Amino acid sequence: MEAVLDPFAYSFFVKGVIVATLAGGLCGLIGVYITLRGMSYIGHGLSHAIFGGFAASSIISLNYYLGAGVWGLASALAINRVTRSRRIGADAAIGVITTASFALGVALLTFFGNKGPSFDAALFGSIIGVSAADVWALLAITGFTGAVVFLHYRALLFATFDPDVADVSGVRVARTDALLMLILSLSILATLTVIGVTLVAATLVIPAVVARMLTQRFARMLWLSSAIGAACGFVGMNLSYHLDVPSGTTIVLTGALVFGVVLLITGGRRLQRTGRLDDHRGVAPAATA
């Protein structure tokens, strides 16, 4: 028991646990919308796009959170814009825009060098790199995301399941989609310190898929996915300390283990088409988003 509690004597570990738990819950919440839209790849893509923002902000001596945030949001909005044209699928748009952004970041670093934070930590996550500012930033983003989901619950629900009907019914689908891309970009940016660019997509997808295997009710799926993500973040961070491996690795492996166990128990029977989820049947969308 003493060995389990020992790491909590270190302030950097306490901050890391707080951030990992919040990040897991936050990504779990947003991940439900992302997976039901068939855009599971966007977390992976945007995290790589944000890497380009890190590189650019490093070169021009701009705050890397600001630079990467603007870059990530621009990439997300570009993906959303291209996807809405319906000539190019979401997976293709994500692949082109985000890989180009990542490649540009690598090219900039090659020509100008790295003058900013450790990009190894950005790629794989590090509990040592967590600061008090990271904790407060993630708390603010978590609160903002919770408020957005609460205030725009119906708009997000119907824009996710049937954007055409939602648009005809008065929901501002374009604005709702842009709002979702905003909170997704902010969430990825805030969680990179602990989880890392290469693994953040798994924290968006795994909790949501596990929750979907456990329930068919949309509202229940939201809080269940958040709880699973938070639990994986907490357990994974503790394992990271004791096993001396990057935090992002243990968080994702914990989630993968949970996924495997639930899949064995349920057989994946509830992984059905989004149109069969219970909560959106027969419910009219609000007139405004």
C-alpha atoms as a PDB file:
ATOM      1  CA  MET A   1       0.000   0.000   0.000  1.00  0.00           C
ATOM      2  CA  GLU A   2       2.875   2.318   0.823  1.00  0.00           C
ATOM      3  CA  ALA A   3       4.384   1.768  -2.617  1.00  0.00           C
ATOM      4  CA  VAL A   4       1.077   2.761  -4.215  1.00  0.00           C
ATOM      5  CA  LEU A   5       0.845   6.003  -2.223  1.00  0.00           C
ATOM      6  CA  ASP A   6       4.534   6.982  -2.424  1.00  0.00           C
ATOM      7  CA  PRO A   7       4.341   8.841  -5.775  1.00  0.00           C
ATOM      8  CA  PHE A   8       1.629  11.149  -4.402  1.00  0.00           C
ATOM      9  CA  ALA A   9       4.304  12.758  -2.243  1.00  0.00           C
ATOM     10  CA  TYR A  10       5.706  14.396  -5.389  1.00  0.00           C
ATOM     11  CA  SER A  11       3.949  17.499  -6.646  1.00  0.00           C
ATOM     12  CA  PHE A  12       4.762  16.764 -10.304  1.00  0.00           C
ATOM     13  CA  PHE A  13       3.031  13.387 -10.008  1.00  0.00           C
ATOM     14  CA  VAL A  14      -0.059  14.849  -8.345  1.00  0.00           C
ATOM     15  CA  LYS A  15      -0.339  17.397 -11.156  1.00  0.00           C
ATOM     16  CA  GLY A  16       0.160  14.632 -13.694  1.00  0.00           C
ATOM     17  CA  VAL A  17      -2.608  12.504 -12.166  1.00  0.00           C
ATOM     18  CA  ILE A  18      -5.012  15.452 -12.130  1.00  0.00           C
ATOM     19  CA  VAL A  19      -4.285  16.296 -15.761  1.00  0.00           C
ATOM     20  CA  ALA A  20      -4.428  12.653 -16.914  1.00  0.00           C
ATOM     21  CA  THR A  21      -7.761  12.069 -15.161  1.00  0.00           C
ATOM     22  CA  LEU A  22      -9.275  15.280 -16.517  1.00  0.00           C
ATOM     23  CA  ALA A  23      -7.856  14.610 -19.974  1.00  0.00           C
ATOM     24  CA  GLY A  24      -9.261  11.088 -20.011  1.00  0.00           C
ATOM     25  CA  GLY A  25     -12.719  12.277 -19.015  1.00  0.00           C
ATOM     26  CA  LEU A  26     -12.647  15.156 -21.480  1.00  0.00           C
ATOM     27  CA  CYS A  27     -11.504  13.033 -24.419  1.00  0.00           C
ATOM     28  CA  GLY A  28     -14.050  10.372 -23.495  1.00  0.00           C
ATOM     29  CA  LEU A  29     -16.854  12.935 -23.660  1.00  0.00           C
ATOM     30  CA  ILE A  30     -15.861  14.394 -27.022  1.00  0.00           C
ATOM     31  CA  GLY A  31     -14.947  10.979 -28.384  1.00  0.00           C
ATOM     32  CA  VAL A  32     -18.605   9.915 -28.376  1.00  0.00           C
ATOM     33  CA  TYR A  33     -19.481  12.588 -30.936  1.00  0.00           C
ATOM     34  CA  ILE A  34     -16.384  11.854 -33.000  1.00  0.00           C
ATOM     35  CA  THR A  35     -16.886   8.083 -33.209  1.00  0.00           C
ATOM     36  CA  LEU A  36     -20.620   8.330 -33.939  1.00  0.00           C
ATOM     37  CA  ARG A  37     -19.837  10.704 -36.809  1.00  0.00           C
ATOM     38  CA  GLY A  38     -17.493   8.102 -38.287  1.00  0.00           C
ATOM     39  CA  MET A  39     -14.526  10.440 -37.785  1.00  0.00           C
ATOM     40  CA  SER A  40     -12.434   8.363 -35.372  1.00  0.00           C
ATOM     41  CA  TYR A  41      -9.325   9.171 -37.397  1.00  0.00           C
ATOM     42  CA  ILE A  42      -9.677  12.910 -36.789  1.00  0.00           C
ATOM     43  CA  GLY A  43      -8.111  12.743 -33.318  1.00  0.00           C
ATOM     44  CA  HIS A  44      -5.011  11.145 -34.767  1.00  0.00           C
ATOM     45  CA  GLY A  45      -4.975  13.592 -37.641  1.00  0.00           C
ATOM     46  CA  LEU A  46      -5.511  16.772 -35.623  1.00  0.00           C
ATOM     47  CA  SER A  47      -2.867  15.839 -33.075  1.00  0.00           C
ATOM     48  CA  HIS A  48      -0.382  15.554 -35.929  1.00  0.00           C
ATOM     49  CA  ALA A  49      -1.629  18.798 -37.456  1.00  0.00           C
ATOM     50  CA  ILE A  50      -1.048  20.564 -34.143  1.00  0.00           C
ATOM     51  CA  PHE A  51       2.568  19.396 -34.310  1.00  0.00           C
ATOM     52  CA  GLY A  52       2.938  21.748 -37.268  1.00  0.00           C
ATOM     53  CA  GLY A  53       1.710  24.559 -35.026  1.00  0.00           C
ATOM     54  CA  PHE A  54       4.314  23.691 -32.411  1.00  0.00           C
ATOM     55  CA  ALA A  55       7.033  23.946 -35.041  1.00  0.00           C
ATOM     56  CA  ALA A  56       5.799  27.245 -36.484  1.00  0.00           C
ATOM     57  CA  SER A  57       5.352  28.912 -33.085  1.00  0.00           C
ATOM     58  CA  SER A  58       8.820  27.734 -32.065  1.00  0.00           C
ATOM     59  CA  ILE A  59      10.407  29.417 -35.069  1.00  0.00           C
ATOM     60  CA  ILE A  60       8.660  32.777 -34.643  1.00  0.00           C
ATOM     61  CA  SER A  61       9.054  32.714 -30.829  1.00  0.00           C
ATOM     62  CA  LEU A  62       5.292  32.674 -30.265  1.00  0.00           C
ATOM     63  CA  ASN A  63       3.700  30.993 -27.244  1.00  0.00           C
ATOM     64  CA  TYR A  64       3.472  27.416 -28.486  1.00  0.00           C
ATOM     65  CA  TYR A  65       0.054  26.802 -26.938  1.00  0.00           C
ATOM     66  CA  LEU A  66      -1.340  29.801 -28.788  1.00  0.00           C
ATOM     67  CA  GLY A  67       0.368  28.933 -32.051  1.00  0.00           C
ATOM     68  CA  ALA A  68      -0.538  25.252 -31.943  1.00  0.00           C
ATOM     69  CA  GLY A  69      -4.093  26.061 -30.871  1.00  0.00           C
ATOM     70  CA  VAL A  70      -4.707  28.420 -33.785  1.00  0.00           C
ATOM     71  CA  TRP A  71      -3.071  25.974 -36.187  1.00  0.00           C
ATOM     72  CA  GLY A  72      -5.120  23.049 -34.901  1.00  0.00           C
ATOM     73  CA  LEU A  73      -8.387  24.982 -35.039  1.00  0.00           C
ATOM     74  CA  ALA A  74      -7.659  26.134 -38.589  1.00  0.00           C
ATOM     75  CA  SER A  75      -6.957  22.528 -39.608  1.00  0.00           C
ATOM     76  CA  ALA A  76     -10.172  21.308 -37.953  1.00  0.00           C
ATOM     77  CA  LEU A  77     -12.286  23.962 -39.652  1.00  0.00           C
ATOM     78  CA  ALA A  78     -10.648  23.191 -42.990  1.00  0.00           C
ATOM     79  CA  ILE A  79     -11.481  19.498 -42.566  1.00  0.00           C
ATOM     80  CA  ASN A  80     -15.056  20.336 -41.654  1.00  0.00           C
ATOM     81  CA  ARG A  81     -15.398  22.678 -44.638  1.00  0.00           C
ATOM     82  CA  VAL A  82     -14.019  20.177 -47.129  1.00  0.00           C
ATOM     83  CA  THR A  83     -16.140  17.358 -45.698  1.00  0.00           C
ATOM     84  CA  ARG A  84     -19.359  19.386 -45.971  1.00  0.00           C
ATOM     85  CA  SER A  85     -18.797  19.780 -49.706  1.00  0.00           C
ATOM     86  CA  ARG A  86     -19.517  16.009 -49.948  1.00  0.00           C
ATOM     87  CA  ARG A  87     -17.143  15.636 -52.852  1.00  0.00           C
ATOM     88  CA  ILE A  88     -14.408  14.425 -50.532  1.00  0.00           C
ATOM     89  CA  GLY A  89     -14.973  11.992 -47.662  1.00  0.00           C
ATOM     90  CA  ALA A  90     -14.044  12.838 -44.082  1.00  0.00           C
ATOM     91  CA  ASP A  91     -11.229  10.280 -43.998  1.00  0.00           C
ATOM     92  CA  ALA A  92      -9.659  11.677 -47.174  1.00  0.00           C
ATOM     93  CA  ALA A  93      -9.940  15.283 -45.962  1.00  0.00           C
ATOM     94  CA  ILE A  94      -8.363  14.386 -42.619  1.00  0.00           C
ATOM     95  CA  GLY A  95      -5.573  12.457 -44.315  1.00  0.00           C
ATOM     96  CA  VAL A  96      -4.631  15.223 -46.746  1.00  0.00           C
ATOM     97  CA  ILE A  97      -4.866  18.258 -44.461  1.00  0.00           C
ATOM     98  CA  THR A  98      -3.329  16.826 -41.304  1.00  0.00           C
ATOM     99  CA  THR A  99      -0.469  14.931 -42.910  1.00  0.00           C
ATOM    100  CA  ALA A 100       0.420  18.015 -44.942  1.00  0.00           C
ATOM    101  CA  SER A 101       0.437  20.056 -41.734  1.00  0.00           C
ATOM    102  CA  PHE A 102       2.631  17.511 -39.957  1.00  0.00           C
ATOM    103  CA  ALA A 103       5.032  17.351 -42.908  1.00  0.00           C
ATOM    104  CA  LEU A 104       5.257  21.146 -42.952  1.00  0.00           C
ATOM    105  CA  GLY A 105       6.123  21.106 -39.253  1.00  0.00           C
ATOM    106  CA  VAL A 106       8.914  18.593 -39.834  1.00  0.00           C
ATOM    107  CA  ALA A 107      10.240  20.670 -42.738  1.00  0.00           C
ATOM    108  CA  LEU A 108      10.253  23.853 -40.634  1.00  0.00           C
ATOM    109  CA  LEU A 109      12.154  22.118 -37.830  1.00  0.00           C
ATOM    110  CA  THR A 110      14.647  20.703 -40.314  1.00  0.00           C
ATOM    111  CA  PHE A 111      15.412  24.115 -41.798  1.00  0.00           C
ATOM    112  CA  PHE A 112      15.230  26.301 -38.693  1.00  0.00           C
ATOM    113  CA  GLY A 113      15.802  23.940 -35.750  1.00  0.00           C
ATOM    114  CA  ASN A 114      13.853  23.545 -32.518  1.00  0.00           C
ATOM    115  CA  LYS A 115      13.846  26.586 -30.244  1.00  0.00           C
ATOM    116  CA  GLY A 116      10.838  25.630 -28.158  1.00  0.00           C
ATOM    117  CA  PRO A 117       9.731  22.859 -25.801  1.00  0.00           C
ATOM    118  CA  SER A 118      10.767  19.207 -26.010  1.00  0.00           C
ATOM    119  CA  PHE A 119       9.064  17.607 -28.968  1.00  0.00           C
ATOM    120  CA  ASP A 120       9.845  14.136 -27.608  1.00  0.00           C
ATOM    121  CA  ALA A 121       7.483  14.932 -24.740  1.00  0.00           C
ATOM    122  CA  ALA A 122       4.939  16.292 -27.221  1.00  0.00           C
ATOM    123  CA  LEU A 123       5.099  13.061 -29.217  1.00  0.00           C
ATOM    124  CA  PHE A 124       4.881  10.540 -26.369  1.00  0.00           C
ATOM    125  CA  GLY A 125       3.743  12.442 -23.278  1.00  0.00           C
ATOM    126  CA  SER A 126       5.621  13.143 -20.054  1.00  0.00           C
ATOM    127  CA  ILE A 127       4.388  13.584 -16.479  1.00  0.00           C
ATOM    128  CA  ILE A 128       7.499  15.623 -15.682  1.00  0.00           C
ATOM    129  CA  GLY A 129       6.445  18.293 -18.169  1.00  0.00           C
ATOM    130  CA  VAL A 130       3.114  18.971 -16.443  1.00  0.00           C
ATOM    131  CA  SER A 131       2.971  22.438 -14.874  1.00  0.00           C
ATOM    132  CA  ALA A 132       0.402  24.213 -12.733  1.00  0.00           C
ATOM    133  CA  ALA A 133      -0.538  26.206 -15.838  1.00  0.00           C
ATOM    134  CA  ASP A 134      -1.361  22.936 -17.634  1.00  0.00           C
ATOM    135  CA  VAL A 135      -3.701  21.954 -14.803  1.00  0.00           C
ATOM    136  CA  TRP A 136      -5.541  25.286 -14.851  1.00  0.00           C
ATOM    137  CA  ALA A 137      -5.717  25.310 -18.648  1.00  0.00           C
ATOM    138  CA  LEU A 138      -7.230  21.831 -18.713  1.00  0.00           C
ATOM    139  CA  LEU A 139      -9.693  22.735 -15.948  1.00  0.00           C
ATOM    140  CA  ALA A 140     -10.817  25.744 -17.984  1.00  0.00           C
ATOM    141  CA  ILE A 141     -11.152  23.720 -21.194  1.00  0.00           C
ATOM    142  CA  THR A 142     -13.032  20.954 -19.366  1.00  0.00           C
ATOM    143  CA  GLY A 143     -15.463  23.488 -17.917  1.00  0.00           C
ATOM    144  CA  PHE A 144     -15.918  25.161 -21.297  1.00  0.00           C
ATOM    145  CA  THR A 145     -16.513  21.823 -23.031  1.00  0.00           C
ATOM    146  CA  GLY A 146     -19.017  20.729 -20.403  1.00  0.00           C
ATOM    147  CA  ALA A 147     -20.905  24.002 -20.833  1.00  0.00           C
ATOM    148  CA  VAL A 148     -20.948  23.626 -24.630  1.00  0.00           C
ATOM    149  CA  VAL A 149     -22.271  20.060 -24.449  1.00  0.00           C
ATOM    150  CA  PHE A 150     -24.924  21.044 -21.898  1.00  0.00           C
ATOM    151  CA  LEU A 151     -26.115  24.186 -23.683  1.00  0.00           C
ATOM    152  CA  HIS A 152     -25.975  22.722 -27.201  1.00  0.00           C
ATOM    153  CA  TYR A 153     -26.931  19.144 -26.371  1.00  0.00           C
ATOM    154  CA  ARG A 154     -29.807  18.846 -28.863  1.00  0.00           C
ATOM    155  CA  ALA A 155     -27.994  20.675 -31.647  1.00  0.00           C
ATOM    156  CA  LEU A 156     -24.917  18.464 -31.262  1.00  0.00           C
ATOM    157  CA  LEU A 157     -27.100  15.355 -31.060  1.00  0.00           C
ATOM    158  CA  PHE A 158     -29.027  15.980 -34.279  1.00  0.00           C
ATOM    159  CA  ALA A 159     -26.070  17.406 -36.189  1.00  0.00           C
ATOM    160  CA  THR A 160     -24.294  14.150 -35.363  1.00  0.00           C
ATOM    161  CA  PHE A 161     -27.069  11.723 -36.340  1.00  0.00           C
ATOM    162  CA  ASP A 162     -28.889  13.479 -39.189  1.00  0.00           C
ATOM    163  CA  PRO A 163     -27.397  16.820 -40.272  1.00  0.00           C
ATOM    164  CA  ASP A 164     -29.808  17.183 -43.217  1.00  0.00           C
ATOM    165  CA  VAL A 165     -32.920  16.915 -41.053  1.00  0.00           C
ATOM    166  CA  ALA A 166     -31.310  19.101 -38.398  1.00  0.00           C
ATOM    167  CA  ASP A 167     -30.557  21.802 -40.973  1.00  0.00           C
ATOM    168  CA  VAL A 168     -34.129  21.780 -42.285  1.00  0.00           C
ATOM    169  CA  SER A 169     -35.453  21.891 -38.713  1.00  0.00           C
ATOM    170  CA  GLY A 170     -33.569  25.088 -37.937  1.00  0.00           C
ATOM    171  CA  VAL A 171     -30.375  23.815 -36.335  1.00  0.00           C
ATOM    172  CA  ARG A 172     -27.354  25.771 -37.529  1.00  0.00           C
ATOM    173  CA  VAL A 173     -25.362  22.698 -38.444  1.00  0.00           C
ATOM    174  CA  ALA A 174     -22.311  24.526 -39.778  1.00  0.00           C
ATOM    175  CA  ARG A 175     -21.966  26.555 -36.579  1.00  0.00           C
ATOM    176  CA  THR A 176     -22.561  23.471 -34.438  1.00  0.00           C
ATOM    177  CA  ASP A 177     -19.902  21.517 -36.325  1.00  0.00           C
ATOM    178  CA  ALA A 178     -17.457  24.408 -35.974  1.00  0.00           C
ATOM    179  CA  LEU A 179     -18.136  24.512 -32.232  1.00  0.00           C
ATOM    180  CA  LEU A 180     -17.412  20.789 -31.962  1.00  0.00           C
ATOM    181  CA  MET A 181     -14.170  21.231 -33.890  1.00  0.00           C
ATOM    182  CA  LEU A 182     -13.208  24.060 -31.528  1.00  0.00           C
ATOM    183  CA  ILE A 183     -13.604  22.018 -28.351  1.00  0.00           C
ATOM    184  CA  LEU A 184     -11.922  19.036 -30.015  1.00  0.00           C
ATOM    185  CA  SER A 185      -8.879  21.128 -30.968  1.00  0.00           C
ATOM    186  CA  LEU A 186      -8.642  22.693 -27.518  1.00  0.00           C
ATOM    187  CA  SER A 187      -8.936  19.296 -25.855  1.00  0.00           C
ATOM    188  CA  ILE A 188      -6.207  17.723 -27.970  1.00  0.00           C
ATOM    189  CA  LEU A 189      -3.921  20.679 -27.350  1.00  0.00           C
ATOM    190  CA  ALA A 190      -4.456  20.553 -23.585  1.00  0.00           C
ATOM    191  CA  THR A 191      -3.814  16.805 -23.353  1.00  0.00           C
ATOM    192  CA  LEU A 192      -0.650  16.600 -25.457  1.00  0.00           C
ATOM    193  CA  THR A 193       1.603  17.183 -22.428  1.00  0.00           C
ATOM    194  CA  VAL A 194       0.534  13.950 -20.751  1.00  0.00           C
ATOM    195  CA  ILE A 195      -0.679  11.751 -23.605  1.00  0.00           C
ATOM    196  CA  GLY A 196       1.394  12.901 -26.565  1.00  0.00           C
ATOM    197  CA  VAL A 197       0.709  13.439 -30.260  1.00  0.00           C
ATOM    198  CA  THR A 198       1.060   9.801 -31.286  1.00  0.00           C
ATOM    199  CA  LEU A 199      -1.439   8.372 -28.774  1.00  0.00           C
ATOM    200  CA  VAL A 200      -4.081  11.044 -28.142  1.00  0.00           C
ATOM    201  CA  ALA A 201      -6.434   9.575 -30.758  1.00  0.00           C
ATOM    202  CA  ALA A 202      -6.810   6.391 -28.713  1.00  0.00           C
ATOM    203  CA  THR A 203      -8.078   8.351 -25.699  1.00  0.00           C
ATOM    204  CA  LEU A 204     -10.827   9.769 -27.918  1.00  0.00           C
ATOM    205  CA  VAL A 205     -11.878   6.475 -29.468  1.00  0.00           C
ATOM    206  CA  ILE A 206     -11.423   3.713 -26.869  1.00  0.00           C
ATOM    207  CA  PRO A 207     -13.683   5.051 -24.061  1.00  0.00           C
ATOM    208  CA  ALA A 208     -16.423   5.926 -26.561  1.00  0.00           C
ATOM    209  CA  VAL A 209     -16.339   2.490 -28.197  1.00  0.00           C
ATOM    210  CA  VAL A 210     -16.370   0.743 -24.808  1.00  0.00           C
ATOM    211  CA  ALA A 211     -19.323   2.876 -23.690  1.00  0.00           C
ATOM    212  CA  ARG A 212     -21.159   2.039 -26.896  1.00  0.00           C
ATOM    213  CA  MET A 213     -20.732  -1.672 -26.178  1.00  0.00           C
ATOM    214  CA  LEU A 214     -22.308  -1.150 -22.754  1.00  0.00           C
ATOM    215  CA  THR A 215     -25.318   1.024 -23.617  1.00  0.00           C
ATOM    216  CA  GLN A 216     -27.508   2.164 -26.498  1.00  0.00           C
ATOM    217  CA  ARG A 217     -28.707   5.354 -24.817  1.00  0.00           C
ATOM    218  CA  PHE A 218     -26.868   8.428 -26.017  1.00  0.00           C
ATOM    219  CA  ALA A 219     -26.942  10.429 -22.773  1.00  0.00           C
ATOM    220  CA  ARG A 220     -25.724   7.437 -20.786  1.00  0.00           C
ATOM    221  CA  MET A 221     -23.011   6.865 -23.358  1.00  0.00           C
ATOM    222  CA  LEU A 222     -21.670  10.383 -22.771  1.00  0.00           C
ATOM    223  CA  TRP A 223     -21.165  10.077 -19.020  1.00  0.00           C
ATOM    224  CA  LEU A 224     -20.055   6.447 -19.210  1.00  0.00           C
ATOM    225  CA  SER A 225     -17.391   7.255 -21.801  1.00  0.00           C
ATOM    226  CA  SER A 226     -16.175  10.163 -19.657  1.00  0.00           C
ATOM    227  CA  ALA A 227     -15.966   7.935 -16.574  1.00  0.00           C
ATOM    228  CA  ILE A 228     -14.061   5.223 -18.453  1.00  0.00           C
ATOM    229  CA  GLY A 229     -11.640   7.773 -19.893  1.00  0.00           C
ATOM    230  CA  ALA A 230     -11.017   9.362 -16.490  1.00  0.00           C
ATOM    231  CA  ALA A 231     -10.432   5.967 -14.854  1.00  0.00           C
ATOM    232  CA  CYS A 232      -7.984   4.938 -17.588  1.00  0.00           C
ATOM    233  CA  GLY A 233      -6.136   8.233 -17.162  1.00  0.00           C
ATOM    234  CA  PHE A 234      -5.823   7.776 -13.392  1.00  0.00           C
ATOM    235  CA  VAL A 235      -4.732   4.131 -13.536  1.00  0.00           C
ATOM    236  CA  GLY A 236      -2.461   4.691 -16.524  1.00  0.00           C
ATOM    237  CA  MET A 237      -0.658   7.572 -14.840  1.00  0.00           C
ATOM    238  CA  ASN A 238       0.048   5.445 -11.764  1.00  0.00           C
ATOM    239  CA  LEU A 239       1.336   2.608 -13.930  1.00  0.00           C
ATOM    240  CA  SER A 240       3.540   5.088 -15.781  1.00  0.00           C
ATOM    241  CA  TYR A 241       5.324   6.002 -12.556  1.00  0.00           C
ATOM    242  CA  HIS A 242       5.815   2.443 -11.302  1.00  0.00           C
ATOM    243  CA  LEU A 243       6.816   0.951 -14.671  1.00  0.00           C
ATOM    244  CA  ASP A 244       8.923   3.964 -15.723  1.00  0.00           C
ATOM    245  CA  VAL A 245       7.399   4.249 -19.199  1.00  0.00           C
ATOM    246  CA  PRO A 246       5.805   7.255 -20.953  1.00  0.00           C
ATOM    247  CA  SER A 247       2.438   8.195 -19.489  1.00  0.00           C
ATOM    248  CA  GLY A 248       0.630   8.189 -22.817  1.00  0.00           C
ATOM    249  CA  THR A 249       1.652   4.578 -23.388  1.00  0.00           C
ATOM    250  CA  THR A 250       0.251   3.254 -20.107  1.00  0.00           C
ATOM    251  CA  ILE A 251      -2.964   5.281 -20.399  1.00  0.00           C
ATOM    252  CA  VAL A 252      -3.686   3.862 -23.845  1.00  0.00           C
ATOM    253  CA  LEU A 253      -2.725   0.312 -22.846  1.00  0.00           C
ATOM    254  CA  THR A 254      -5.061   0.538 -19.848  1.00  0.00           C
ATOM    255  CA  GLY A 255      -7.868   1.617 -22.152  1.00  0.00           C
ATOM    256  CA  ALA A 256      -7.044  -1.171 -24.600  1.00  0.00           C
ATOM    257  CA  LEU A 257      -7.223  -3.707 -21.759  1.00  0.00           C
ATOM    258  CA  VAL A 258     -10.645  -2.394 -20.712  1.00  0.00           C
ATOM    259  CA  PHE A 259     -11.795  -2.584 -24.334  1.00  0.00           C
ATOM    260  CA  GLY A 260     -10.611  -6.194 -24.627  1.00  0.00           C
ATOM    261  CA  VAL A 261     -12.358  -7.268 -21.422  1.00  0.00           C
ATOM    262  CA  VAL A 262     -15.660  -5.591 -22.346  1.00  0.00           C
ATOM    263  CA  LEU A 263     -15.484  -7.000 -25.874  1.00  0.00           C
ATOM    264  CA  LEU A 264     -15.029 -10.520 -24.489  1.00  0.00           C
ATOM    265  CA  ILE A 265     -17.959 -10.084 -22.100  1.00  0.00           C
ATOM    266  CA  THR A 266     -20.418  -8.457 -24.506  1.00  0.00           C
ATOM    267  CA  GLY A 267     -19.168  -9.871 -27.781  1.00  0.00           C
ATOM    268  CA  GLY A 268     -19.521  -6.362 -29.234  1.00  0.00           C
ATOM    269  CA  ARG A 269     -23.239  -6.963 -29.695  1.00  0.00           C
ATOM    270  CA  ARG A 270     -24.142  -3.319 -29.124  1.00  0.00           C
ATOM    271  CA  LEU A 271     -21.721  -1.936 -31.682  1.00  0.00           C
ATOM    272  CA  GLN A 272     -24.604  -1.172 -33.999  1.00  0.00           C
ATOM    273  CA  ARG A 273     -25.270   1.609 -36.465  1.00  0.00           C
ATOM    274  CA  THR A 274     -25.660   5.035 -34.919  1.00  0.00           C
ATOM    275  CA  GLY A 275     -29.180   5.326 -36.278  1.00  0.00           C
ATOM    276  CA  ARG A 276     -30.366   2.654 -33.855  1.00  0.00           C
ATOM    277  CA  LEU A 277     -29.331   4.452 -30.687  1.00  0.00           C
ATOM    278  CA  ASP A 278     -32.352   5.041 -28.513  1.00  0.00           C
ATOM    279  CA  ASP A 279     -32.135   8.647 -27.385  1.00  0.00           C
ATOM    280  CA  HIS A 280     -32.672  10.405 -30.720  1.00  0.00           C
ATOM    281  CA  ARG A 281     -35.763   8.552 -31.871  1.00  0.00           C
ATOM    282  CA  GLY A 282     -38.806  10.727 -32.198  1.00  0.00           C
ATOM    283  CA  VAL A 283     -37.207  13.799 -30.636  1.00  0.00           C
ATOM    284  CA  ALA A 284     -37.439  17.072 -32.523  1.00  0.00           C
ATOM    285  CA  PRO A 285     -34.320  19.247 -32.663  1.00  0.00           C
ATOM    286  CA  ALA A 286     -34.350  22.704 -31.193  1.00  0.00           C
ATOM    287  CA  ALA A 287     -34.943  25.572 -33.572  1.00  0.00           C
ATOM    288  CA  THR A 288     -31.539  27.102 -32.931  1.00  0.00           C
ATOM    289  CA  ALA A 289     -28.110  25.774 -32.039  1.00  0.00           C
END
